[in-house]
Protein backbone atom coordinates (compact mmCIF):
# COMPACT_ATOMS: atom_id res chain seq x y z
CA MET A 1 -35.93 26.57 40.83
CA ARG A 2 -33.19 23.87 41.25
CA LYS A 3 -30.03 25.15 39.91
CA ILE A 4 -28.41 28.58 40.19
CA ALA A 5 -25.19 30.24 40.19
CA ILE A 6 -23.48 33.16 42.19
CA LEU A 7 -20.80 35.56 40.79
CA THR A 8 -19.32 38.76 41.87
CA SER A 9 -18.79 41.75 39.33
CA GLY A 10 -17.16 45.09 39.33
CA GLY A 11 -14.97 46.58 42.21
CA ASP A 12 -14.35 44.35 45.11
CA ALA A 13 -16.08 45.32 48.43
CA PRO A 14 -15.81 43.81 52.06
CA GLY A 15 -18.67 41.68 52.65
CA MET A 16 -18.74 40.03 49.48
CA ASN A 17 -17.66 36.96 50.63
CA ALA A 18 -20.52 37.08 53.30
CA ALA A 19 -23.12 37.39 50.57
CA ILE A 20 -21.70 34.52 48.72
CA ARG A 21 -21.59 32.31 51.42
CA ALA A 22 -25.12 33.32 52.57
CA ALA A 23 -26.73 32.81 49.42
CA ALA A 24 -24.97 29.54 48.97
CA LYS A 25 -25.81 28.11 52.14
CA TYR A 26 -29.44 29.19 52.44
CA ALA A 27 -29.84 27.60 48.60
CA MET A 28 -28.04 24.39 49.55
CA ASN A 29 -30.48 24.00 52.52
CA LEU A 30 -33.42 24.23 50.44
CA GLY A 31 -32.07 21.50 48.01
CA ILE A 32 -31.17 23.84 45.10
CA THR A 33 -27.80 23.10 43.37
CA VAL A 34 -25.29 25.89 43.64
CA TYR A 35 -22.61 26.77 41.14
CA GLY A 36 -19.92 29.39 41.45
CA ILE A 37 -18.86 31.58 38.65
CA LYS A 38 -15.30 32.81 38.86
CA ARG A 39 -14.29 36.29 37.34
CA GLY A 40 -17.69 37.62 37.00
CA TYR A 41 -19.23 37.76 33.47
CA LEU A 42 -15.70 36.86 32.14
CA GLY A 43 -16.01 33.77 33.70
CA MET A 44 -19.27 33.15 32.43
CA LEU A 45 -18.36 33.96 28.87
CA SER A 46 -15.14 31.55 29.43
CA ASP A 47 -16.82 28.99 31.21
CA GLU A 48 -15.37 29.17 34.41
CA ILE A 49 -18.43 27.66 36.16
CA PHE A 50 -17.65 24.96 38.90
CA LEU A 51 -20.09 23.08 41.24
CA MET A 52 -19.96 25.01 44.84
CA ASP A 53 -20.31 23.06 48.08
CA SER A 54 -20.63 23.90 51.57
CA PHE A 55 -16.92 23.63 52.19
CA TYR A 56 -16.13 25.86 49.35
CA VAL A 57 -17.97 28.73 51.50
CA SER A 58 -16.86 27.90 54.83
CA GLY A 59 -14.56 30.23 56.80
CA MET A 60 -14.98 33.02 54.52
CA ILE A 61 -17.54 35.44 56.40
CA ASP A 62 -14.66 37.58 57.53
CA ARG A 63 -12.48 37.89 54.42
CA GLY A 64 -12.38 41.00 52.32
CA GLY A 65 -12.50 40.83 48.68
CA THR A 66 -14.10 38.22 46.81
CA LYS A 67 -13.20 34.40 46.87
CA LEU A 68 -14.91 34.30 43.48
CA LEU A 69 -12.58 36.68 41.84
CA THR A 70 -13.82 39.64 39.72
CA ALA A 71 -12.85 40.92 36.20
CA ARG A 72 -13.79 43.58 33.67
CA CYS A 73 -15.45 42.03 30.80
CA LEU A 74 -16.26 44.61 27.88
CA GLU A 75 -17.12 41.50 25.49
CA PHE A 76 -20.21 41.05 27.55
CA LYS A 77 -21.64 44.25 26.06
CA ASP A 78 -22.08 42.46 22.73
CA PRO A 79 -25.40 40.24 22.48
CA LYS A 80 -23.31 37.70 20.65
CA PHE A 81 -21.13 37.05 23.70
CA ARG A 82 -23.93 37.24 25.97
CA ALA A 83 -25.50 34.47 24.10
CA ILE A 84 -22.32 32.38 24.53
CA ALA A 85 -22.42 33.03 28.29
CA ALA A 86 -26.10 32.18 28.46
CA GLU A 87 -25.71 28.90 26.73
CA ASN A 88 -22.94 27.92 29.50
CA LEU A 89 -25.55 28.48 32.08
CA LYS A 90 -28.28 26.47 30.22
CA ARG A 91 -25.78 23.47 29.26
CA ARG A 92 -25.69 23.10 33.20
CA GLY A 93 -29.43 23.86 33.61
CA ILE A 94 -28.80 26.66 35.64
CA GLU A 95 -32.05 28.89 35.91
CA GLY A 96 -31.00 31.74 37.89
CA VAL A 97 -28.12 33.82 38.86
CA VAL A 98 -27.22 36.22 41.69
CA VAL A 99 -25.04 38.93 40.87
CA ILE A 100 -23.24 40.67 43.56
CA GLY A 101 -21.81 44.16 42.27
CA GLY A 102 -22.58 47.81 41.27
CA ASP A 103 -25.12 49.13 38.66
CA GLY A 104 -22.67 48.70 35.80
CA SER A 105 -23.11 44.67 36.95
CA TYR A 106 -26.72 45.14 37.14
CA ARG A 107 -27.17 46.18 33.50
CA GLY A 108 -25.25 43.11 32.42
CA ALA A 109 -27.73 41.06 34.56
CA ASP A 110 -30.92 42.67 33.32
CA LEU A 111 -29.87 42.18 29.47
CA LEU A 112 -28.91 38.40 30.44
CA SER A 113 -32.59 38.12 31.83
CA LYS A 114 -34.42 39.87 28.88
CA GLU A 115 -32.50 38.41 26.14
CA HIS A 116 -32.24 34.81 27.47
CA GLY A 117 -34.63 34.03 30.12
CA ILE A 118 -32.30 33.52 32.89
CA LYS A 119 -33.98 34.79 36.17
CA VAL A 120 -31.30 37.30 37.92
CA VAL A 121 -31.14 38.94 41.58
CA GLY A 122 -28.52 41.81 42.15
CA ILE A 123 -26.91 42.22 45.39
CA PRO A 124 -25.54 45.80 45.78
CA GLY A 125 -21.80 45.23 46.63
CA THR A 126 -19.87 48.21 46.35
CA ILE A 127 -17.78 50.66 48.75
CA ASP A 128 -19.23 53.55 46.87
CA ASN A 129 -22.88 53.67 48.04
CA ASP A 130 -23.89 54.92 44.74
CA ILE A 131 -26.74 52.56 44.01
CA ILE A 132 -30.44 53.70 43.66
CA GLY A 133 -32.77 51.63 45.73
CA THR A 134 -30.97 50.82 48.79
CA ASP A 135 -29.87 53.02 51.71
CA TYR A 136 -26.47 51.19 52.16
CA THR A 137 -24.36 49.11 49.87
CA ILE A 138 -22.25 46.05 51.02
CA GLY A 139 -18.81 47.33 52.06
CA PHE A 140 -19.68 50.97 52.45
CA ASP A 141 -19.43 50.86 56.30
CA THR A 142 -16.15 48.78 56.36
CA CYS A 143 -14.65 51.28 53.69
CA LEU A 144 -15.91 54.37 56.00
CA ASN A 145 -13.91 52.86 59.03
CA THR A 146 -10.89 52.25 57.23
CA ILE A 147 -10.94 55.98 56.09
CA LEU A 148 -11.47 56.96 59.62
CA ASP A 149 -8.65 55.25 60.96
CA ALA A 150 -6.42 56.84 58.21
CA ILE A 151 -7.75 60.28 59.31
CA SER A 152 -6.80 59.70 62.77
CA LYS A 153 -3.15 58.99 61.88
CA ILE A 154 -3.27 61.74 59.37
CA ARG A 155 -4.41 64.25 62.00
CA ASP A 156 -1.52 63.28 64.27
CA THR A 157 1.19 64.44 61.76
CA ALA A 158 -0.96 67.32 60.35
CA THR A 159 -1.33 68.64 64.01
CA SER A 160 2.47 68.23 64.69
CA HIS A 161 3.35 70.27 61.59
CA GLU A 162 0.67 72.64 61.45
CA ARG A 163 -0.43 71.55 58.24
CA THR A 164 -3.76 71.62 55.98
CA ILE A 165 -3.88 67.93 54.62
CA LEU A 166 -6.33 67.13 51.79
CA VAL A 167 -7.56 63.40 52.03
CA GLU A 168 -9.06 62.13 48.78
CA VAL A 169 -11.43 59.17 49.07
CA MET A 170 -13.06 56.92 46.83
CA GLY A 171 -16.78 57.02 45.83
CA ARG A 172 -16.70 57.35 42.05
CA HIS A 173 -19.29 60.17 41.24
CA ALA A 174 -21.03 59.75 44.69
CA GLY A 175 -19.69 62.07 47.76
CA ASP A 176 -21.00 59.60 50.39
CA LEU A 177 -17.57 58.20 51.70
CA ALA A 178 -16.13 61.80 51.89
CA LEU A 179 -19.40 63.30 53.64
CA TYR A 180 -19.64 60.81 56.28
CA SER A 181 -16.32 60.25 56.85
CA CYS A 182 -15.84 64.35 57.43
CA LEU A 183 -19.05 63.91 59.88
CA ALA A 184 -17.74 60.79 61.84
CA GLY A 185 -14.09 61.88 61.38
CA GLY A 186 -14.22 65.60 62.80
CA GLY A 187 -13.01 66.84 59.58
CA ASP A 188 -12.42 70.53 58.95
CA GLY A 189 -13.57 70.75 55.35
CA LEU A 190 -15.29 68.89 52.52
CA LEU A 191 -15.52 68.65 48.80
CA ILE A 192 -18.12 66.66 47.08
CA PRO A 193 -19.43 66.19 43.62
CA GLU A 194 -23.20 66.79 44.89
CA MET A 195 -22.49 70.04 46.50
CA ASP A 196 -21.06 73.55 45.70
CA ASN A 197 -18.39 74.31 48.00
CA PRO A 198 -15.71 76.63 45.93
CA ILE A 199 -12.22 76.48 46.88
CA GLU A 200 -12.18 80.26 47.77
CA MET A 201 -14.94 79.42 50.38
CA LEU A 202 -12.64 76.49 51.65
CA ALA A 203 -9.83 78.97 51.88
CA LEU A 204 -11.82 81.46 53.76
CA GLN A 205 -12.76 79.01 56.45
CA ILE A 206 -8.98 77.68 56.74
CA LYS A 207 -7.75 81.39 57.10
CA GLU A 208 -10.62 82.15 59.79
CA ARG A 209 -9.64 79.26 61.99
CA ARG A 210 -5.95 80.15 61.82
CA ARG A 211 -6.96 83.32 63.37
CA ALA A 212 -9.04 81.87 65.77
CA GLY A 213 -5.55 79.83 66.93
CA LYS A 214 -6.17 76.63 65.14
CA LEU A 215 -2.98 75.11 63.70
CA HIS A 216 -4.16 72.00 61.31
CA ASP A 217 -7.13 71.17 59.25
CA ILE A 218 -8.28 67.90 57.65
CA VAL A 219 -10.18 68.59 54.56
CA LEU A 220 -11.95 65.27 52.78
CA VAL A 221 -12.09 65.36 49.04
CA ALA A 222 -14.33 62.92 47.18
CA GLU A 223 -12.40 61.53 43.95
CA GLY A 224 -15.57 62.80 41.77
CA VAL A 225 -14.54 66.47 42.41
CA GLY A 226 -11.20 66.01 40.70
CA LYS A 227 -7.63 65.51 41.22
CA VAL A 228 -6.57 66.26 44.93
CA THR A 229 -3.20 67.17 43.61
CA GLU A 230 -4.59 70.13 41.59
CA ILE A 231 -6.86 71.02 44.10
CA GLU A 232 -3.80 71.23 46.66
CA GLU A 233 -2.11 73.51 44.18
CA GLN A 234 -5.13 75.77 43.82
CA LEU A 235 -5.38 76.21 47.84
CA LYS A 236 -1.64 76.78 48.38
CA GLY A 237 -1.98 80.07 46.85
CA LYS A 238 -5.11 81.03 48.86
CA VAL A 239 -3.98 80.34 52.34
CA ASN A 240 -0.99 81.16 54.76
CA SER A 241 -0.70 77.50 55.64
CA GLU A 242 1.55 74.49 54.34
CA VAL A 243 -0.98 72.34 52.42
CA ARG A 244 -0.54 68.52 51.64
CA SER A 245 -2.64 66.05 49.93
CA VAL A 246 -3.23 62.36 50.67
CA VAL A 247 -4.66 59.86 48.36
CA LEU A 248 -5.83 56.66 50.38
CA GLY A 249 -6.42 54.71 47.19
CA HIS A 250 -6.89 51.00 47.17
CA THR A 251 -6.51 50.50 50.87
CA GLN A 252 -9.91 51.58 51.32
CA ARG A 253 -11.25 48.34 49.29
CA GLY A 254 -9.53 45.95 51.47
CA GLY A 255 -9.64 44.53 54.90
CA CYS A 256 -12.00 42.36 57.28
CA PRO A 257 -15.59 43.34 56.71
CA SER A 258 -17.38 45.10 59.66
CA GLY A 259 -20.17 43.49 61.58
CA PHE A 260 -22.72 45.74 59.90
CA ASP A 261 -21.23 44.66 56.63
CA ARG A 262 -21.45 40.86 57.26
CA VAL A 263 -24.93 41.06 58.65
CA LEU A 264 -26.16 43.24 55.78
CA ALA A 265 -24.59 40.87 53.15
CA THR A 266 -26.05 37.76 54.71
CA LYS A 267 -29.41 39.31 55.00
CA MET A 268 -29.41 40.33 51.17
CA GLY A 269 -27.73 36.85 50.39
CA VAL A 270 -30.54 35.12 51.92
CA LYS A 271 -33.25 37.35 50.38
CA ALA A 272 -32.04 36.93 47.05
CA ILE A 273 -32.28 32.90 47.21
CA GLN A 274 -35.97 33.53 48.57
CA VAL A 275 -36.68 35.85 45.45
CA LEU A 276 -35.27 32.81 43.20
CA GLU A 277 -37.03 30.03 45.20
CA ALA A 278 -40.11 31.88 44.39
CA ASP A 279 -39.10 31.54 40.67
CA GLU A 280 -39.08 35.24 40.45
CA GLY A 281 -36.24 37.33 38.95
CA GLY A 282 -35.26 40.57 37.41
CA VAL A 283 -35.01 42.43 40.68
CA MET A 284 -32.16 43.94 43.05
CA VAL A 285 -32.38 43.29 46.74
CA GLY A 286 -31.62 46.48 48.87
CA ILE A 287 -32.21 48.10 52.51
CA GLU A 288 -34.65 50.84 53.16
CA GLY A 289 -35.67 51.86 56.74
CA ASN A 290 -33.64 48.77 58.21
CA LYS A 291 -35.93 46.53 55.94
CA ILE A 292 -34.37 44.24 53.49
CA ILE A 293 -36.60 45.09 50.30
CA THR A 294 -36.68 44.26 46.53
CA HIS A 295 -37.03 46.65 43.39
CA PRO A 296 -36.93 46.00 39.65
CA ILE A 297 -33.31 45.70 38.68
CA SER A 298 -33.62 48.56 36.47
CA TYR A 299 -34.66 50.77 39.27
CA ALA A 300 -30.71 51.02 39.74
CA TRP A 301 -30.39 53.51 37.16
CA GLU A 302 -34.21 54.74 36.56
CA GLY A 303 -35.43 55.14 39.91
CA GLN A 304 -34.84 58.35 42.21
CA ARG A 305 -32.27 58.06 44.74
CA TYR A 306 -33.40 59.07 48.17
CA THR A 307 -30.55 60.78 50.04
CA THR A 308 -30.12 63.14 53.04
CA ILE A 309 -26.77 64.55 51.47
CA ASN A 310 -28.24 67.93 51.32
CA GLU A 311 -28.95 68.06 55.03
CA ASP A 312 -26.10 66.23 56.21
CA PHE A 313 -23.63 68.45 54.15
CA GLU A 314 -25.01 71.26 55.80
CA ILE A 315 -24.47 69.77 59.25
CA ALA A 316 -20.79 69.09 57.98
CA LYS A 317 -20.13 72.62 57.06
CA ILE A 318 -21.40 73.77 60.57
CA LEU A 319 -19.34 71.31 62.31
CA SER A 320 -16.31 72.00 60.56
CA ARG A 321 -16.10 75.76 61.46
């Protein structure tokens, strides 16, 4: 394989730039010509494809977001537009594409591969940690640490005013960010979509803690559970405590990637190029048991997700009492 392209798609995640850098530099070292695609599949369709050099990826390993930019492209769901995008690649002789993003990005890559013979490798870049086939996704660790920093600040005012504060975190339909923020941040309550933890139970826990002399609570709420403002209103009528809610929002996406995310992204970027250099494709890169592995890219939506959420949720419940 002599020519490849790299794109980022879906929500940005800290560490994406580290993955771009590693994939590009490793490929260049093998004598492979590397192209960048701006704005993901939208850029592939609109021909925003450029020749990448080592200078382009220099000095970006510690930057959050994605230098290649990202955008939605609903048109890519239409086969006729995928054909146009594929032609833009083939006109330059591009044989393989590294796609850094979530499972939606993988589905686009899978179709591109099956319909047009472009070899694709997916790298899991999303703060949500919701991709089957990998223990961790790029950006999850950085986002987790951003949330922990916010919890520490929120706890100061919660203590001072003797409040219960609900903290909504991202995660889409996965509760990983909320769960591990609760465990690592000493949370006093937890609501995630994977587990049943009724408002009534949470209210009972808060009332018991008040009777025991605890004057504040920090409750982590995954966005997949529902609107935190509505949960706040439900809880207010069930506890004798002032209740407030905080939505951390897009602050969770940004910032300098952690050391863990940089190393993970670098290893995954290198593995993606090794796969393409072997003239293989249609796979996703992941990490399982601290080992970089690959699965068929369709495993991201067809496979069985291994998770310790059930066990860790029980630990979080015990420690939050």
